[in-house]
Protein backbone atom coordinates (compact mmCIF):
# COMPACT_ATOMS: atom_id res chain seq x y z
CA MET A 1 37.15 82.31 40.38
CA ALA A 2 39.28 83.37 43.51
CA LEU A 3 37.69 83.65 46.76
CA LYS A 4 36.62 87.40 47.86
CA GLY A 5 39.77 89.06 49.72
CA THR A 6 37.71 89.52 52.61
CA VAL A 7 38.15 85.92 53.30
CA THR A 8 41.63 85.17 52.60
CA GLY A 9 43.11 89.00 52.71
CA VAL A 10 44.60 87.95 48.95
CA ARG A 11 42.88 89.32 45.48
CA HIS A 12 42.82 87.49 41.91
CA VAL A 13 43.86 84.00 43.23
CA VAL A 14 43.43 81.29 46.10
CA PRO A 15 46.10 81.33 48.27
CA VAL A 16 47.11 77.71 49.74
CA ASP A 17 45.69 77.76 53.63
CA PRO A 18 48.72 76.83 56.13
CA LYS A 19 46.42 73.91 57.57
CA ARG A 20 45.96 72.36 54.07
CA ALA A 21 49.71 73.41 52.56
CA GLU A 22 51.70 70.33 51.47
CA GLY A 23 55.53 69.98 49.80
CA LEU A 24 57.44 72.82 49.23
CA VAL A 25 54.61 75.29 50.28
CA ALA A 26 54.34 74.06 53.81
CA ASP A 27 58.11 73.73 54.10
CA VAL A 28 58.43 77.49 53.18
CA TYR A 29 55.25 78.16 55.24
CA ARG A 30 57.02 76.26 58.78
CA GLN A 31 59.95 78.53 58.18
CA VAL A 32 58.02 81.51 57.94
CA GLU A 33 55.67 80.82 60.77
CA SER A 34 58.92 80.13 63.14
CA GLU A 35 61.13 82.59 61.77
CA LEU A 36 59.07 85.66 60.96
CA GLY A 37 56.54 85.00 63.85
CA VAL A 38 53.34 85.22 61.51
CA ILE A 39 52.13 84.45 58.06
CA GLY A 40 50.27 86.83 56.33
CA PRO A 41 49.21 87.74 53.10
CA ALA A 42 52.34 88.85 51.93
CA ILE A 43 53.58 85.19 51.66
CA THR A 44 50.13 83.68 50.97
CA LEU A 45 49.58 85.60 47.74
CA LEU A 46 52.44 83.67 46.00
CA SER A 47 51.61 80.29 47.51
CA PRO A 48 49.84 79.41 44.17
CA ALA A 49 53.13 79.14 42.65
CA PRO A 50 55.51 77.45 45.00
CA GLU A 51 58.94 78.00 43.23
CA LEU A 52 58.07 81.67 43.30
CA LEU A 53 57.35 81.55 46.92
CA ALA A 54 60.51 79.70 47.83
CA PRO A 55 63.04 82.35 46.17
CA VAL A 56 61.00 85.01 47.54
CA TRP A 57 60.56 84.22 50.92
CA ALA A 58 64.62 83.17 50.73
CA LEU A 59 65.47 86.88 49.56
CA LEU A 60 63.40 88.25 52.36
CA ARG A 61 64.83 85.81 54.77
CA GLU A 62 68.59 86.30 54.17
CA SER A 63 68.22 89.77 53.70
CA LEU A 64 65.71 91.37 56.47
CA LEU A 65 66.08 88.74 59.01
CA VAL A 66 69.65 87.40 59.09
CA GLY A 67 72.57 89.86 60.72
CA GLY A 68 71.24 90.29 64.63
CA PRO A 69 68.87 92.24 66.18
CA GLN A 70 71.02 95.89 66.00
CA GLU A 71 70.82 95.12 62.02
CA ARG A 72 67.45 94.20 62.06
CA LYS A 73 66.06 97.34 63.52
CA ALA A 74 67.85 99.16 60.53
CA LYS A 75 66.70 97.14 57.99
CA GLU A 76 62.67 97.50 59.44
CA VAL A 77 63.36 101.19 58.76
CA VAL A 78 64.58 100.69 55.48
CA ALA A 79 61.22 98.32 54.72
CA THR A 80 59.35 100.82 56.45
CA VAL A 81 60.29 103.52 54.96
CA ILE A 82 59.91 101.67 51.07
CA ALA A 83 56.25 100.69 52.16
CA VAL A 84 55.46 104.38 53.28
CA ARG A 85 56.88 106.02 50.08
CA ASN A 86 54.99 103.20 47.69
CA GLU A 87 51.51 103.50 49.74
CA CYS A 88 51.49 99.86 50.83
CA ARG A 89 49.17 100.39 54.11
CA PHE A 90 49.43 96.38 54.47
CA CYS A 91 53.78 96.43 54.73
CA THR A 92 53.99 100.09 56.85
CA ASP A 93 51.84 98.74 59.42
CA ALA A 94 53.22 95.30 59.97
CA HIS A 95 56.77 96.87 59.94
CA THR A 96 55.96 99.86 62.22
CA MET A 97 54.62 96.99 64.09
CA MET A 98 58.38 95.10 63.83
CA LEU A 99 60.18 98.38 64.77
CA HIS A 100 57.62 98.59 68.14
CA ALA A 101 58.65 94.87 68.70
CA ALA A 102 62.68 96.17 68.46
CA GLY A 103 62.00 98.47 71.49
CA GLU A 104 61.87 101.58 68.99
CA SER A 105 58.20 103.13 69.29
CA GLU A 106 58.83 106.69 68.78
CA LEU A 107 61.02 105.60 65.83
CA ALA A 108 58.60 103.44 64.49
CA GLU A 109 55.83 106.44 64.50
CA ALA A 110 57.70 108.76 63.27
CA VAL A 111 59.01 106.84 60.01
CA ARG A 112 55.24 105.93 59.36
CA SER A 113 54.61 109.62 59.70
CA GLY A 114 57.34 110.50 57.33
CA ARG A 115 58.89 111.97 59.85
CA THR A 116 62.22 110.37 60.31
CA PRO A 117 64.65 111.89 63.20
CA PRO A 118 67.72 113.20 61.99
CA GLU A 119 70.02 110.59 63.27
CA TRP A 120 68.15 108.16 60.64
CA SER A 121 67.64 110.00 57.73
CA ALA A 122 70.98 109.38 56.02
CA LEU A 123 69.31 105.64 55.90
CA ALA A 124 65.88 106.90 55.00
CA GLU A 125 67.59 108.57 52.25
CA TRP A 126 69.76 106.11 51.07
CA ALA A 127 66.55 103.35 51.27
CA LEU A 128 64.39 106.10 48.33
CA LYS A 129 67.97 105.23 46.07
CA PRO A 130 69.60 102.29 47.17
CA GLY A 131 73.53 101.89 46.17
CA PRO A 132 76.60 99.73 46.94
CA GLU A 133 77.84 102.02 49.87
CA GLY A 134 75.17 103.27 52.98
CA PRO A 135 75.08 104.13 56.54
CA PHE A 136 76.09 100.65 57.18
CA PRO A 137 79.35 98.62 57.79
CA ALA A 138 80.52 97.37 54.22
CA GLU A 139 80.19 93.68 55.45
CA ALA A 140 76.21 94.01 55.36
CA ALA A 141 75.65 95.79 52.39
CA ALA A 142 74.39 92.75 50.66
CA ARG A 143 71.42 92.34 53.36
CA PHE A 144 71.00 96.23 53.19
CA ILE A 145 70.59 96.13 49.35
CA GLY A 146 68.49 92.83 49.56
CA THR A 147 66.25 94.39 51.92
CA ALA A 148 65.17 97.29 50.03
CA LEU A 149 64.98 95.37 46.55
CA ALA A 150 62.76 92.73 48.43
CA PHE A 151 60.18 95.53 49.59
CA GLU A 152 60.21 97.10 46.66
CA LEU A 153 58.91 93.52 45.04
CA ILE A 154 56.64 92.82 47.95
CA THR A 155 55.03 96.41 48.07
CA ARG A 156 53.92 95.68 44.73
CA LEU A 157 52.90 92.36 45.05
CA VAL A 158 51.01 93.29 48.05
CA LYS A 159 49.27 96.23 46.10
CA ALA A 160 48.59 93.89 42.95
CA LEU A 161 47.26 90.35 44.90
CA ALA A 162 46.24 91.49 48.27
CA ASP A 163 43.58 93.83 50.03
CA ASP A 164 46.46 96.36 50.70
CA GLU A 165 44.42 97.12 54.54
CA SER A 166 46.15 97.09 57.91
CA PRO A 167 47.36 93.41 59.04
CA SER A 168 44.56 93.44 61.34
CA ALA A 169 42.07 95.84 63.24
CA VAL A 170 44.34 96.50 66.31
CA ALA A 171 47.36 97.32 63.82
CA SER A 172 45.72 100.13 62.57
CA SER A 173 46.19 102.15 65.83
CA ARG A 174 49.47 103.16 67.48
CA LEU A 175 48.05 101.67 70.84
CA GLY A 176 47.76 98.78 68.68
CA ARG A 177 50.96 98.38 67.05
CA GLN A 178 52.42 98.65 70.03
CA VAL A 179 50.37 95.94 71.85
CA ALA A 180 50.40 93.39 68.93
CA SER A 181 54.30 94.08 68.47
CA ARG A 182 54.48 91.60 71.59
CA LEU A 183 53.57 88.76 69.65
CA VAL A 184 56.70 89.30 67.30
CA ARG A 185 59.38 90.32 69.84
CA GLU A 186 61.03 87.12 69.75
CA ALA A 187 61.51 86.73 66.11
CA VAL A 188 62.46 90.19 66.21
CA SER A 189 65.59 89.90 68.51
CA ALA A 190 66.64 86.48 67.26
CA ASP A 191 69.66 86.35 65.53
CA LEU A 192 69.22 83.88 62.89
CA ALA A 193 72.23 81.95 60.45
CA PRO A 194 72.58 82.71 57.20
CA GLY A 195 71.35 80.17 54.35
CA ALA A 196 69.07 78.34 55.92
CA SER A 197 66.37 79.14 53.82
CA LEU A 198 68.54 77.93 50.61
CA PRO A 199 67.74 74.34 50.96
CA LEU A 200 64.23 75.31 49.65
CA LEU A 201 65.42 76.51 46.50
CA GLU A 202 66.67 72.98 45.68
CA ASP A 203 63.45 71.49 46.11
CA LEU A 204 61.89 72.91 43.05
CA PRO A 205 59.77 71.68 39.93
CA GLY A 206 62.41 69.62 37.54
CA TRP A 207 61.08 72.21 34.64
CA VAL A 208 62.75 74.97 36.33
CA ARG A 209 65.81 73.26 38.16
CA ASP A 210 68.17 73.55 35.33
CA VAL A 211 67.27 77.45 35.35
CA GLU A 212 70.32 79.77 35.01
CA VAL A 213 70.70 81.63 38.16
CA ARG A 214 73.18 84.99 38.09
CA GLU A 215 74.15 86.08 40.95
CA PRO A 216 73.99 90.19 41.28
CA ALA A 217 77.80 91.66 41.47
CA TRP A 218 77.16 93.57 45.09
CA ALA A 219 76.12 89.96 46.31
CA ALA A 220 77.85 87.26 44.52
CA GLY A 221 78.51 84.47 46.49
CA SER A 222 76.54 85.44 49.70
CA PRO A 223 72.57 83.79 50.55
CA VAL A 224 71.05 87.07 49.15
CA GLY A 225 72.92 87.21 46.31
CA ARG A 226 71.66 83.08 45.85
CA ALA A 227 68.14 84.19 46.79
CA TYR A 228 67.93 87.60 44.42
CA GLY A 229 69.08 85.31 41.62
CA ALA A 230 66.89 82.91 41.88
CA VAL A 231 63.78 85.39 42.22
CA ARG A 232 65.01 87.15 39.17
CA ALA A 233 65.16 83.75 37.26
CA MET A 234 61.89 82.41 38.37
CA ALA A 235 59.87 85.62 37.86
CA GLY A 236 61.58 85.83 34.39
CA TYR A 237 59.10 82.80 33.10
CA GLY A 238 56.12 84.86 33.50
CA SER A 239 57.16 86.63 30.18
CA MET A 240 56.23 83.53 28.81
CA LEU A 241 52.90 84.26 29.09
CA LEU A 242 53.18 86.95 26.75
CA SER A 243 54.07 87.21 22.98
CA ASP A 244 57.70 88.54 22.42
CA GLN A 245 56.19 91.61 21.09
CA ALA A 246 54.01 92.14 24.45
CA ALA A 247 57.05 90.97 26.61
CA ASP A 248 59.26 93.93 24.91
CA ALA A 249 56.53 96.23 25.21
CA VAL A 250 56.59 95.36 28.90
CA ALA A 251 60.07 96.15 28.93
CA ARG A 252 60.24 99.35 26.86
CA THR A 253 57.00 101.17 28.78
CA VAL A 254 58.80 99.95 32.44
CA GLY A 255 62.46 100.93 31.41
CA GLY A 256 61.06 104.54 29.61
CA GLY A 257 58.93 105.41 32.59
CA GLY A 258 60.86 105.02 35.75
CA THR A 259 60.40 103.06 38.58
CA GLY A 260 58.22 105.08 40.51
CA LEU A 261 54.64 104.29 41.23
CA ALA A 262 51.63 106.27 40.12
CA GLY A 263 47.75 105.87 40.49
CA SER A 264 47.56 104.63 36.94
CA ALA A 265 49.55 102.61 34.67
CA PRO A 266 51.11 104.44 31.61
CA GLU A 267 50.68 103.92 27.95
CA LEU A 268 52.04 101.00 26.71
CA ALA A 269 54.76 101.48 24.25
CA GLY A 270 55.46 100.01 21.26
CA ALA A 271 51.95 98.19 21.60
CA GLN A 272 50.83 98.97 18.11
CA GLY A 273 49.35 95.81 16.63
CA LEU A 274 49.16 93.54 19.62
CA PRO A 275 45.80 91.39 19.55
CA SER A 276 43.97 92.47 22.63
CA GLN A 277 44.37 89.92 24.86
CA ALA A 278 48.16 90.00 24.44
CA ALA A 279 47.75 93.86 24.90
CA LEU A 280 45.70 93.18 28.19
CA GLY A 281 48.19 90.71 29.52
CA ALA A 282 51.23 93.74 28.80
CA ARG A 283 48.87 96.23 30.79
CA LEU A 284 48.51 93.88 33.56
CA ALA A 285 52.25 93.74 34.02
CA VAL A 286 52.61 97.02 33.66
CA SER A 287 50.46 98.09 36.18
CA ALA A 288 52.32 95.32 38.84
CA ALA A 289 55.24 97.64 37.71
CA LEU A 290 54.05 101.08 38.11
CA ALA A 291 50.59 100.70 39.27
CA PRO A 292 50.22 97.77 41.15
CA GLY A 293 47.02 99.46 42.85
CA ALA A 294 45.44 99.62 39.48
CA VAL A 295 45.23 96.28 39.05
CA ALA A 296 41.64 95.48 38.52
CA GLU A 297 39.67 92.06 39.26
CA SER A 298 37.81 92.66 35.69
CA ASP A 299 41.21 92.83 33.91
CA VAL A 300 42.32 89.76 35.86
CA GLU A 301 39.17 87.78 34.92
CA GLU A 302 39.34 88.81 31.34
CA TRP A 303 42.83 88.05 30.66
CA ARG A 304 42.46 84.84 32.96
CA GLY A 305 39.46 83.11 30.62
CA ASP A 306 39.63 79.66 30.48
CA VAL A 307 42.93 79.58 29.93
CA PHE A 308 45.12 80.49 32.95
CA SER A 309 45.62 79.77 36.00
CA ASP A 310 46.07 81.07 39.63
CA HIS A 311 49.64 79.98 39.01
CA CYS A 312 49.72 81.99 35.86
CA VAL A 313 48.02 85.12 37.16
CA VAL A 314 51.00 85.00 40.07
CA TYR A 315 53.52 84.60 37.36
CA LEU A 316 52.50 87.25 35.58
CA LEU A 317 51.67 89.96 37.85
CA THR A 318 55.34 88.69 39.72
CA TYR A 319 57.06 88.92 36.02
CA GLY A 320 55.70 92.59 35.94
CA ALA A 321 56.79 93.76 39.28
CA MET A 322 60.21 91.90 39.22
CA THR A 323 60.84 94.20 35.66
CA ALA A 324 60.84 97.20 37.96
CA VAL A 325 62.63 96.01 40.91
CA ASP A 326 65.52 94.70 38.64
CA ALA A 327 65.71 97.86 37.10
CA VAL A 328 66.47 99.50 40.34
CA GLN A 329 69.16 96.79 40.72
CA ASP A 330 70.40 97.60 37.33
CA GLU A 331 71.21 100.94 38.68
CA ILE A 332 73.16 99.52 41.84
CA GLU A 333 75.41 96.86 39.86
CA LEU A 334 76.46 99.94 37.31
CA GLU A 335 77.78 102.00 40.27
CA CYS A 336 79.24 98.71 41.66
CA ALA A 337 81.03 98.60 37.78
CA ALA A 338 82.04 101.87 38.07
CA MET A 339 83.33 101.73 41.73
CA GLU A 340 85.49 99.11 40.69
CA ARG A 341 86.61 100.60 37.47
CA THR A 342 87.65 103.49 39.55
CA GLU A 343 89.91 101.16 42.13
CA GLN A 344 91.66 99.50 39.27
CA LYS A 345 92.51 103.14 37.80
CA GLY A 346 93.78 103.83 40.78
CA SER A 347 95.95 100.67 41.44
CA VAL A 348 97.37 101.14 38.11
CA ASP A 349 98.15 104.72 38.91
CA ALA A 350 99.64 103.82 42.10
């Protein structure tokens, strides 16, 4: 049984205490504290599954944190817009605070309240429906896309596995967010070198080292592409906790119902004849994808029983959440392919 969320900020599982972390988890925590400035529930909730923690952190770092202070500010707008749309209180206040730290207090509070200023509206609209091109330099596209996908994932995981409250009582008010932002001002202004998180992906358990990592077309060859491919590959292992029919029901339900968040998960598609335990696992995965705030402790504990561990719970919910995120990514890849065909046709016609 997990410790209550009021103690850890995390629900359903017991996270690894930063003071007691070892091995890969300790390595990730050190880099997070050094470069993000704080180790919070959005990170620790994955710690029961280190081989998921490392690539999710790598995706966050290589997309959001790399690129310099000006680019970071724009990507914090993307992160905040997605957090507001997905009603993730923790992420909304955390990244509003990051915008305060970037010296953009008015912008921070405007985006938080859904009143994005006109000069930022094109980026805010792109964040809600990301594509291979946007209001940013082409060389930064992979980092912006990676940021959008990272927060589609992280907001779901926080709502499913954390208390989803403001990071602290202080951060629940504008003045508090402005004051607290001083603690992360240095981290937000840093200009980090790309790729420093990728060595963490080499220190994985033997049973996952041979997994095939497919980098997306929009980021192939970049640290963001390597990180996203690793997240997708690792999260895919969560399907092994379900029967083939149950996993198919998850894919059909998420793929057929859109990827927007709702208050309650839709009915499972193709679930006829599923044993109750398998159906419950599939419903939890679908909830993580489409209604993460509806993931109930009673359902998690019933599914867990005496069989499944914290490691399994993290994998099941991450697998479900990633099913929705990868659907967004698939649309971006389709647009990339269409653009490539158009360019090739133009070359032939010329």
